[in-house]
Amino acid sequence: MTKIKSITWMTALSLLSTVNAAALECNGLQNAASSELVSYLRKSIPNQGNAECVAFAINRGAALLRAEVRSYGRTENAVKRAAG
């Protein structure tokens, strides 16, 4: 079980470093808002030349969406507690 956890963490870290390397090559996407990432993905036809940037935009967009969902959940819980 410990070995599986170690392998999982090493894989995750290697993927993150790959995403960070892709970010360096995808200027303009690093600090883009989710709407800008969606716009980039709509305009881009994925190919080998832009694969790293497309992957970065997808992963970054997903991370932003997860953060928004978590924030929304916290807001909903705070409203319920205040009303309750």
N, C-alpha and C. Protein backbone atom coordinates (compact mmCIF):
# COMPACT_ATOMS: atom_id res chain seq x y z
N MET A 1 0.82 -1.19 0.00
CA MET A 1 0.00 0.00 0.00
C MET A 1 0.87 1.26 0.00
N THR A 2 1.91 1.30 0.80
CA THR A 2 2.80 2.45 0.87
C THR A 2 3.52 2.64 -0.46
N LYS A 3 3.90 1.53 -1.09
CA LYS A 3 4.59 1.61 -2.38
C LYS A 3 3.66 2.21 -3.43
N ILE A 4 2.40 1.85 -3.41
CA ILE A 4 1.43 2.39 -4.36
C ILE A 4 1.27 3.89 -4.16
N LYS A 5 1.19 4.31 -2.88
CA LYS A 5 1.07 5.75 -2.59
C LYS A 5 2.29 6.50 -3.10
N SER A 6 3.48 5.93 -2.89
CA SER A 6 4.71 6.58 -3.35
C SER A 6 4.72 6.72 -4.87
N ILE A 7 4.34 5.67 -5.55
CA ILE A 7 4.31 5.71 -7.01
C ILE A 7 3.28 6.74 -7.49
N THR A 8 2.14 6.77 -6.83
CA THR A 8 1.10 7.73 -7.19
C THR A 8 1.60 9.16 -7.03
N TRP A 9 2.26 9.45 -5.90
CA TRP A 9 2.78 10.79 -5.67
C TRP A 9 3.86 11.15 -6.68
N MET A 10 4.74 10.22 -6.99
CA MET A 10 5.80 10.50 -7.95
C MET A 10 5.21 10.78 -9.33
N THR A 11 4.19 10.03 -9.71
CA THR A 11 3.53 10.25 -10.99
C THR A 11 2.88 11.62 -11.02
N ALA A 12 2.18 11.97 -9.94
CA ALA A 12 1.51 13.27 -9.87
C ALA A 12 2.52 14.41 -9.97
N LEU A 13 3.63 14.28 -9.27
CA LEU A 13 4.65 15.33 -9.31
C LEU A 13 5.27 15.46 -10.69
N SER A 14 5.49 14.34 -11.36
CA SER A 14 6.07 14.41 -12.70
C SER A 14 5.08 15.06 -13.67
N LEU A 15 3.79 14.79 -13.50
CA LEU A 15 2.78 15.43 -14.35
C LEU A 15 2.73 16.93 -14.11
N LEU A 16 2.84 17.33 -12.84
CA LEU A 16 2.83 18.76 -12.52
C LEU A 16 4.03 19.46 -13.13
N SER A 17 5.18 18.82 -13.09
CA SER A 17 6.36 19.46 -13.67
C SER A 17 6.20 19.57 -15.18
N THR A 18 5.55 18.60 -15.80
CA THR A 18 5.30 18.66 -17.24
C THR A 18 4.36 19.82 -17.54
N VAL A 19 3.33 19.97 -16.74
CA VAL A 19 2.38 21.06 -16.94
C VAL A 19 3.08 22.40 -16.76
N ASN A 20 3.94 22.51 -15.75
CA ASN A 20 4.66 23.76 -15.52
C ASN A 20 5.60 24.08 -16.68
N ALA A 21 6.25 23.05 -17.24
CA ALA A 21 7.12 23.27 -18.39
C ALA A 21 6.30 23.74 -19.58
N ALA A 22 5.14 23.16 -19.76
CA ALA A 22 4.26 23.58 -20.85
C ALA A 22 3.83 25.01 -20.66
N ALA A 23 3.60 25.41 -19.42
CA ALA A 23 3.16 26.77 -19.14
C ALA A 23 4.20 27.79 -19.59
N LEU A 24 5.47 27.45 -19.45
CA LEU A 24 6.52 28.36 -19.86
C LEU A 24 6.48 28.59 -21.37
N GLU A 25 6.06 27.59 -22.12
CA GLU A 25 6.01 27.70 -23.57
C GLU A 25 4.70 28.33 -24.05
N CYS A 26 3.73 28.45 -23.19
CA CYS A 26 2.41 28.94 -23.57
C CYS A 26 2.15 30.31 -22.95
N ASN A 27 2.98 31.26 -23.31
CA ASN A 27 2.82 32.61 -22.77
C ASN A 27 1.41 33.11 -23.06
N GLY A 28 0.86 33.79 -22.10
CA GLY A 28 -0.48 34.31 -22.24
C GLY A 28 -1.53 33.43 -21.61
N LEU A 29 -1.24 32.17 -21.44
CA LEU A 29 -2.20 31.26 -20.82
C LEU A 29 -1.95 31.10 -19.33
N GLN A 30 -0.76 31.42 -18.89
CA GLN A 30 -0.39 31.19 -17.49
C GLN A 30 -1.32 31.88 -16.51
N ASN A 31 -1.67 33.12 -16.77
CA ASN A 31 -2.51 33.88 -15.86
C ASN A 31 -3.89 34.15 -16.44
N ALA A 32 -4.27 33.36 -17.43
CA ALA A 32 -5.54 33.57 -18.10
C ALA A 32 -6.72 33.16 -17.22
N ALA A 33 -7.79 33.90 -17.35
CA ALA A 33 -9.04 33.56 -16.67
C ALA A 33 -9.67 32.37 -17.38
N SER A 34 -10.61 31.73 -16.72
CA SER A 34 -11.23 30.55 -17.31
C SER A 34 -11.89 30.87 -18.65
N SER A 35 -12.48 32.05 -18.78
CA SER A 35 -13.12 32.41 -20.05
C SER A 35 -12.09 32.54 -21.18
N GLU A 36 -10.90 33.03 -20.85
CA GLU A 36 -9.83 33.15 -21.85
C GLU A 36 -9.32 31.77 -22.26
N LEU A 37 -9.25 30.86 -21.30
CA LEU A 37 -8.82 29.50 -21.62
C LEU A 37 -9.82 28.81 -22.53
N VAL A 38 -11.10 29.00 -22.24
CA VAL A 38 -12.14 28.41 -23.08
C VAL A 38 -12.06 29.00 -24.48
N SER A 39 -11.86 30.30 -24.57
CA SER A 39 -11.74 30.95 -25.87
C SER A 39 -10.56 30.39 -26.65
N TYR A 40 -9.42 30.23 -25.98
CA TYR A 40 -8.23 29.64 -26.62
C TYR A 40 -8.54 28.24 -27.15
N LEU A 41 -9.20 27.44 -26.33
CA LEU A 41 -9.50 26.07 -26.74
C LEU A 41 -10.49 26.04 -27.90
N ARG A 42 -11.43 26.96 -27.94
CA ARG A 42 -12.39 27.01 -29.05
C ARG A 42 -11.70 27.37 -30.36
N LYS A 43 -10.69 28.23 -30.29
CA LYS A 43 -10.01 28.70 -31.49
C LYS A 43 -8.92 27.75 -31.97
N SER A 44 -8.43 26.90 -31.08
CA SER A 44 -7.29 26.05 -31.40
C SER A 44 -7.73 24.70 -31.93
N ILE A 45 -7.08 24.28 -32.99
CA ILE A 45 -7.26 22.92 -33.48
C ILE A 45 -6.06 22.14 -32.94
N PRO A 46 -6.32 21.19 -32.03
CA PRO A 46 -5.20 20.46 -31.42
C PRO A 46 -4.34 19.75 -32.47
N ASN A 47 -3.05 19.91 -32.33
CA ASN A 47 -2.08 19.20 -33.16
C ASN A 47 -0.79 19.04 -32.37
N GLN A 48 0.20 18.43 -32.96
CA GLN A 48 1.44 18.20 -32.22
C GLN A 48 2.15 19.51 -31.86
N GLY A 49 1.96 20.52 -32.65
CA GLY A 49 2.63 21.79 -32.40
C GLY A 49 2.08 22.56 -31.20
N ASN A 50 0.81 22.37 -30.90
CA ASN A 50 0.22 23.11 -29.78
C ASN A 50 -0.31 22.19 -28.68
N ALA A 51 0.06 20.93 -28.74
CA ALA A 51 -0.47 19.94 -27.79
C ALA A 51 -0.20 20.32 -26.34
N GLU A 52 1.00 20.81 -26.06
CA GLU A 52 1.33 21.17 -24.67
C GLU A 52 0.49 22.34 -24.19
N CYS A 53 0.26 23.31 -25.06
CA CYS A 53 -0.55 24.47 -24.67
C CYS A 53 -2.01 24.09 -24.50
N VAL A 54 -2.51 23.23 -25.38
CA VAL A 54 -3.90 22.77 -25.26
C VAL A 54 -4.07 21.99 -23.95
N ALA A 55 -3.12 21.11 -23.66
CA ALA A 55 -3.19 20.34 -22.41
C ALA A 55 -3.11 21.27 -21.21
N PHE A 56 -2.23 22.27 -21.28
CA PHE A 56 -2.12 23.22 -20.19
C PHE A 56 -3.43 23.96 -19.99
N ALA A 57 -4.05 24.42 -21.08
CA ALA A 57 -5.31 25.16 -20.99
C ALA A 57 -6.41 24.29 -20.38
N ILE A 58 -6.46 23.03 -20.77
CA ILE A 58 -7.47 22.12 -20.22
C ILE A 58 -7.23 21.91 -18.72
N ASN A 59 -6.00 21.62 -18.35
CA ASN A 59 -5.68 21.36 -16.94
C ASN A 59 -5.87 22.61 -16.08
N ARG A 60 -5.44 23.75 -16.58
CA ARG A 60 -5.59 25.00 -15.83
C ARG A 60 -7.07 25.36 -15.69
N GLY A 61 -7.83 25.18 -16.76
CA GLY A 61 -9.25 25.45 -16.71
C GLY A 61 -9.96 24.57 -15.71
N ALA A 62 -9.57 23.30 -15.68
CA ALA A 62 -10.17 22.36 -14.71
C ALA A 62 -9.83 22.77 -13.29
N ALA A 63 -8.60 23.19 -13.06
CA ALA A 63 -8.20 23.62 -11.72
C ALA A 63 -8.99 24.86 -11.29
N LEU A 64 -9.17 25.81 -12.20
CA LEU A 64 -9.95 27.01 -11.88
C LEU A 64 -11.40 26.65 -11.58
N LEU A 65 -11.95 25.73 -12.36
CA LEU A 65 -13.33 25.31 -12.14
C LEU A 65 -13.49 24.63 -10.79
N ARG A 66 -12.54 23.76 -10.43
CA ARG A 66 -12.60 23.10 -9.12
C ARG A 66 -12.56 24.13 -7.99
N ALA A 67 -11.71 25.14 -8.14
CA ALA A 67 -11.61 26.18 -7.12
C ALA A 67 -12.92 26.96 -7.01
N GLU A 68 -13.55 27.25 -8.15
CA GLU A 68 -14.82 27.97 -8.13
C GLU A 68 -15.92 27.14 -7.47
N VAL A 69 -15.93 25.85 -7.75
CA VAL A 69 -16.94 24.97 -7.16
C VAL A 69 -16.75 24.88 -5.65
N ARG A 70 -15.50 24.75 -5.20
CA ARG A 70 -15.23 24.71 -3.76
C ARG A 70 -15.65 26.01 -3.10
N SER A 71 -15.35 27.13 -3.74
CA SER A 71 -15.72 28.42 -3.20
C SER A 71 -17.23 28.56 -3.11
N TYR A 72 -17.92 28.10 -4.13
CA TYR A 72 -19.39 28.15 -4.14
C TYR A 72 -19.94 27.30 -3.01
N GLY A 73 -19.38 26.11 -2.81
CA GLY A 73 -19.84 25.23 -1.73
C GLY A 73 -19.65 25.87 -0.37
N ARG A 74 -18.53 26.56 -0.17
CA ARG A 74 -18.30 27.23 1.11
C ARG A 74 -19.30 28.37 1.31
N THR A 75 -19.61 29.08 0.24
CA THR A 75 -20.57 30.18 0.32
C THR A 75 -21.95 29.64 0.66
N GLU A 76 -22.34 28.57 0.00
CA GLU A 76 -23.66 27.95 0.26
C GLU A 76 -23.76 27.50 1.72
N ASN A 77 -22.70 26.87 2.22
CA ASN A 77 -22.70 26.40 3.62
C ASN A 77 -22.76 27.58 4.57
N ALA A 78 -22.09 28.66 4.29
CA ALA A 78 -22.11 29.83 5.17
C ALA A 78 -23.51 30.45 5.20
N VAL A 79 -24.17 30.47 4.06
CA VAL A 79 -25.53 31.03 3.99
C VAL A 79 -26.47 30.14 4.80
N LYS A 80 -26.33 28.84 4.67
CA LYS A 80 -27.20 27.91 5.42
C LYS A 80 -26.99 28.06 6.92
N ARG A 81 -25.71 28.20 7.32
CA ARG A 81 -25.43 28.37 8.77
C ARG A 81 -26.01 29.67 9.28
N ALA A 82 -25.89 30.72 8.51
CA ALA A 82 -26.40 32.02 8.94
C ALA A 82 -27.93 32.01 9.02
N ALA A 83 -28.57 31.27 8.13
CA ALA A 83 -30.03 31.21 8.10
C ALA A 83 -30.55 30.26 9.17
N GLY A 84 -29.72 29.29 9.54
CA GLY A 84 -30.16 28.23 10.44
C GLY A 84 -30.12 28.58 11.85
